[in-house]
Every structure is written in C-alpha cells, then in structure tokens.
Amino acid sequence: MNDKKNKKIKIIVLIGITCIIWGFVIMFISSVKKDQAEMNSRMDKIVKSYDDFSKKIEEFNNMRDSLHTEFLDKVYYEKLESQDTDFKNKLKTYEELVSNISLSTKNNLRKYCKDNIYYSSPDVNSKCAAFKQGYEEMVNSFVDDINSYNTNIEQYNNWLDNEKNTTSLKLEKYQTKKQYIDYNKDGTYSGKSDEASIDANSKESDK
C-alpha cells in the first residue's frame, strides 16, 4: 500500500513539475509574441511617421527658399527699418514651423529611432537614419538663417554709425533659443554652413 501511495505521490509531483514547466514555457512564448507585436507596431509607426515627416520637411524647405529669396539673401538698408517688423514676424512663423515639426516627431520618430536601437527591417533602419539626418539639417539650417539675419542687422546698425545717421532707429536681433545640434552624433553638424567645431555647451533643443 505504501509503495502504491508513494508512486501516486511521485506521479502527482511529476505532473505538478511538468505543469509548472509548461506554464513558464507558455509565459515565455507569450512574452516573445507580445514583444514581437510591439516591435512590429513600432516599425509601422516609424514608416507612417517618416512619410509625414518628409512632407513637413518639404514644407520647411519651401518656406526657407521663400525667405531667402525675399530677404535673407539680400538686404536693402534704406528699406530695412520699415520692413524689419514684417521680417521678424515671418521668422517667427518660420520658427513655429520648426517647433511644430519637432513636436510632431517627439512620440514616434524621436522616441523609436534612438541610438543603438536596430530593427529587423532594413527599410525601417534606413528611415530612422534618414530622419536623424533630416531633423539635424532642419534645425541647423534654421539656426544658420537666424544667424544670417542677425548678421545683416548688425551690419545695418554699423552702417547707421558709419553714415552718422541719428534719425533712424537701430534694430534688434531676432532672438531664439534654438542651437546647432549633432542629432545623429556623427561628429558633424549637418545643415550648418560653417562646419567648424562649436561650443561644447551647445545643446539640442526640442522646442
């Protein structure tokens, strides 16, 4: 009787251990499937978000071309005082576009295309790399344009001094918190006209 009882106990224990092992196996498989589903969801978001980002970058480039044609590439000192408010308003709209593009990528491309994250899809990895490059070029091009405008303002104010013009007001530079970035961390500042090294304290702006 004792042998039969011990045998039953051993069988019950064996069944229990088997059930526990299968439970862990099922949990592992479920976890793997969940991770894979999450990864697939991320990749889908990257592809869709990149298409939207590309359209916004085209809008940025069109606005930038327009501003360069209108006043960034040429300055008429005699008219600058009367046009300065209008120009600054256009630069503000320009900056708002950059900020909106940045905000629109915060919870998708900037979230999922971080450094050291690689996906099973070469297309997704390519889009992440292209996004980082495009985002960096956008911000640095904007900062370049603001610096260019402010250089024009500085030269205009110097021109007033040289002309001994005391009737015209000196103009203020356009203020922005945006700075040059090396978003893809490749050691260069794509979109920056002068590729010389910049102050190490320069930091990325998400605004």
Protein backbone atom coordinates (compact mmCIF):
# COMPACT_ATOMS: atom_id res chain seq x y z
CA MET A 1 0.00 0.00 0.00
CA ASN A 2 2.80 2.36 0.91
CA ASP A 3 4.53 1.66 -2.43
CA LYS A 4 1.34 2.47 -4.31
CA LYS A 5 0.85 5.62 -2.24
CA ASN A 6 4.44 6.75 -2.82
CA LYS A 7 4.06 6.03 -6.51
CA LYS A 8 0.92 8.17 -6.66
CA ILE A 9 2.69 11.00 -4.84
CA LYS A 10 5.62 10.82 -7.25
CA ILE A 11 3.24 10.93 -10.21
CA ILE A 12 1.38 13.91 -8.74
CA VAL A 13 4.67 15.73 -8.05
CA LEU A 14 5.90 14.94 -11.58
CA ILE A 15 2.66 16.21 -13.08
CA GLY A 16 2.93 19.35 -10.95
CA ILE A 17 6.51 20.00 -12.06
CA THR A 18 5.52 19.39 -15.69
CA CYS A 19 2.65 21.86 -15.38
CA ILE A 20 4.96 24.47 -13.86
CA ILE A 21 7.50 23.99 -16.64
CA TRP A 22 4.80 24.27 -19.31
CA GLY A 23 3.48 27.34 -17.55
CA PHE A 24 6.87 29.02 -17.84
CA VAL A 25 7.19 27.93 -21.48
CA ILE A 26 3.78 29.38 -22.31
CA MET A 27 4.60 32.61 -20.47
CA PHE A 28 7.89 32.87 -22.36
CA ILE A 29 6.23 32.29 -25.72
CA SER A 30 3.52 34.80 -24.86
CA SER A 31 6.15 37.36 -23.83
CA VAL A 32 8.07 36.82 -27.08
CA LYS A 33 4.91 37.23 -29.13
CA LYS A 34 3.99 40.38 -27.20
CA ASP A 35 7.48 41.84 -27.74
CA GLN A 36 7.29 40.98 -31.43
CA ALA A 37 3.87 42.59 -31.74
CA GLU A 38 5.20 45.71 -30.00
CA MET A 39 8.23 45.78 -32.31
CA ASN A 40 6.02 45.41 -35.39
CA SER A 41 3.80 48.23 -34.09
CA ARG A 42 6.85 50.45 -33.64
CA MET A 43 8.09 49.73 -37.14
CA ASP A 44 4.66 50.56 -38.60
CA LYS A 45 4.65 53.86 -36.69
CA ILE A 46 8.15 54.70 -37.94
CA VAL A 47 7.19 54.10 -41.57
CA LYS A 48 3.98 56.16 -41.33
CA SER A 49 5.59 58.92 -39.27
CA TYR A 50 8.52 59.19 -41.63
CA ASP A 51 6.20 59.76 -44.59
CA ASP A 52 4.54 62.60 -42.63
CA PHE A 53 7.94 63.98 -41.61
CA SER A 54 9.08 64.02 -45.24
CA LYS A 55 6.07 66.13 -46.22
CA LYS A 56 6.74 68.56 -43.37
CA ILE A 57 10.41 68.85 -44.37
CA GLU A 58 9.29 69.73 -47.88
CA GLU A 59 7.11 72.47 -46.37
CA PHE A 60 10.11 73.66 -44.35
CA ASN A 61 12.33 73.77 -47.43
CA ASN A 62 9.72 75.70 -49.41
CA MET A 63 9.36 78.29 -46.65
CA ARG A 64 13.13 78.55 -46.33
CA ASP A 65 13.57 79.12 -50.07
CA SER A 66 10.90 81.80 -49.97
CA LEU A 67 12.56 83.64 -47.07
CA HIS A 68 15.95 83.51 -48.74
CA THR A 69 14.50 84.89 -51.93
CA GLU A 70 12.60 87.60 -50.11
CA PHE A 71 15.15 88.98 -47.67
CA LEU A 72 17.75 86.58 -46.27
CA ASP A 73 19.95 86.67 -49.38
CA LYS A 74 19.77 90.39 -49.96
CA VAL A 75 19.42 93.44 -47.77
CA TYR A 76 18.44 96.99 -48.71
CA TYR A 77 19.48 99.17 -45.80
CA GLU A 78 17.28 102.07 -46.89
CA LYS A 79 14.16 99.89 -46.50
CA LEU A 80 15.20 97.63 -43.67
CA GLU A 81 13.80 99.73 -40.82
CA SER A 82 10.31 99.80 -42.33
CA GLN A 83 10.44 96.09 -43.20
CA ASP A 84 12.03 94.78 -40.01
CA THR A 85 8.79 94.05 -38.13
CA ASP A 86 7.38 92.14 -41.08
CA PHE A 87 10.62 90.18 -41.48
CA LYS A 88 10.72 89.26 -37.81
CA ASN A 89 7.11 88.08 -37.95
CA LYS A 90 8.00 85.83 -40.86
CA LEU A 91 10.97 84.47 -38.96
CA LYS A 92 8.65 83.78 -36.03
CA THR A 93 6.32 81.82 -38.32
CA TYR A 94 9.39 80.01 -39.65
CA GLU A 95 10.47 79.07 -36.12
CA GLU A 96 6.95 77.92 -35.24
CA LEU A 97 7.08 75.55 -38.20
CA VAL A 98 10.37 74.09 -36.97
CA SER A 99 8.95 73.71 -33.45
CA ASN A 100 5.77 72.05 -34.75
CA ILE A 101 7.77 69.59 -36.83
CA SER A 102 9.92 68.80 -33.81
CA LEU A 103 6.85 68.30 -31.62
CA SER A 104 5.17 66.08 -34.21
CA THR A 105 8.13 63.65 -34.10
CA LYS A 106 8.50 63.54 -30.31
CA ASN A 107 6.32 60.49 -29.65
CA ASN A 108 7.20 58.49 -32.75
CA LEU A 109 10.42 59.03 -34.70
CA ARG A 110 12.39 60.67 -31.90
CA LYS A 111 11.06 58.06 -29.47
CA TYR A 112 11.69 54.94 -31.57
CA CYS A 113 14.73 55.94 -33.63
CA LYS A 114 17.09 56.33 -30.70
CA ASP A 115 20.76 55.40 -30.78
CA ASN A 116 21.66 51.71 -30.51
CA ILE A 117 18.13 50.59 -31.49
CA TYR A 118 18.12 48.39 -34.58
CA TYR A 119 15.14 46.77 -36.25
CA SER A 120 14.74 43.61 -38.27
CA SER A 121 13.63 45.69 -41.27
CA PRO A 122 16.46 47.39 -43.25
CA ASP A 123 13.87 49.84 -44.59
CA VAL A 124 12.94 50.95 -41.06
CA ASN A 125 16.60 51.35 -40.09
CA SER A 126 17.15 53.38 -43.24
CA LYS A 127 14.20 55.63 -42.44
CA CYS A 128 15.48 56.18 -38.89
CA ALA A 129 18.90 57.18 -40.23
CA ALA A 130 17.30 59.49 -42.81
CA PHE A 131 15.09 61.05 -40.14
CA LYS A 132 18.05 61.80 -37.87
CA GLN A 133 19.93 63.38 -40.76
CA GLY A 134 16.91 65.38 -41.92
CA TYR A 135 15.99 66.54 -38.42
CA GLU A 136 19.54 67.71 -37.77
CA GLU A 137 19.72 69.55 -41.09
CA MET A 138 16.39 71.27 -40.44
CA VAL A 139 17.38 72.64 -37.02
CA ASN A 140 20.87 73.66 -38.09
CA SER A 141 19.61 75.31 -41.28
CA PHE A 142 17.13 77.32 -39.23
CA VAL A 143 19.84 78.45 -36.80
CA ASP A 144 22.03 79.34 -39.78
CA ASP A 145 19.27 81.51 -41.23
CA ILE A 146 18.69 83.32 -37.94
CA ASN A 147 22.43 83.95 -37.61
CA SER A 148 22.46 85.27 -41.17
CA TYR A 149 19.59 87.65 -40.46
CA ASN A 150 21.19 88.84 -37.24
CA THR A 151 24.45 89.46 -39.08
CA ASN A 152 22.52 91.65 -41.50
CA ILE A 153 21.02 93.55 -38.56
CA GLU A 154 24.46 94.04 -37.03
CA GLN A 155 25.87 95.28 -40.32
CA TYR A 156 22.90 97.60 -40.76
CA ASN A 157 23.45 99.14 -37.33
CA ASN A 158 27.13 99.60 -38.16
CA TRP A 159 26.10 101.24 -41.42
CA LEU A 160 23.98 103.74 -39.50
CA ASP A 161 27.01 104.61 -37.38
CA ASN A 162 29.21 104.99 -40.44
CA GLU A 163 26.63 107.19 -42.11
CA LYS A 164 26.27 109.17 -38.89
CA ASN A 165 22.56 108.56 -39.15
CA THR A 166 20.95 109.54 -35.87
CA THR A 167 17.37 109.72 -37.10
CA SER A 168 16.91 106.04 -37.90
CA LEU A 169 16.47 103.54 -35.10
CA LYS A 170 18.95 100.76 -34.59
CA LEU A 171 17.30 97.37 -34.97
CA GLU A 172 17.19 94.46 -32.56
CA LYS A 173 18.38 91.00 -33.50
CA TYR A 174 15.94 88.10 -33.72
CA GLN A 175 16.04 86.05 -30.51
CA THR A 176 15.78 82.26 -30.49
CA LYS A 177 16.73 79.53 -28.02
CA LYS A 178 17.43 77.02 -30.76
CA GLN A 179 21.07 75.99 -31.18
CA TYR A 180 23.15 73.86 -33.51
CA ILE A 181 22.78 70.13 -32.88
CA ASP A 182 24.59 66.94 -33.79
CA TYR A 183 21.45 64.84 -33.52
CA ASN A 184 22.82 61.66 -35.11
CA LYS A 185 26.07 62.01 -33.13
CA ASP A 186 28.36 61.56 -36.13
CA GLY A 187 30.67 64.40 -35.13
CA THR A 188 29.37 66.88 -37.72
CA TYR A 189 26.60 69.46 -37.76
CA SER A 190 24.72 68.76 -40.99
CA GLY A 191 22.94 71.80 -42.36
CA LYS A 192 25.37 74.18 -40.66
CA SER A 193 27.09 76.28 -43.28
CA ASP A 194 30.31 76.51 -41.28
CA GLU A 195 31.33 73.00 -40.22
CA ALA A 196 33.91 74.31 -37.76
CA SER A 197 33.59 73.00 -34.23
CA ILE A 198 31.20 74.89 -31.97
CA ASP A 199 30.99 75.48 -28.25
CA ALA A 200 30.73 72.19 -26.40
CA ASN A 201 27.97 73.71 -24.30
CA SER A 202 25.67 73.89 -27.30
CA LYS A 203 22.82 71.52 -26.75
CA GLU A 204 19.84 70.09 -28.54
CA SER A 205 16.56 71.95 -28.38
CA ASP A 206 13.25 70.10 -28.56
CA LYS A 207 11.25 73.23 -28.91
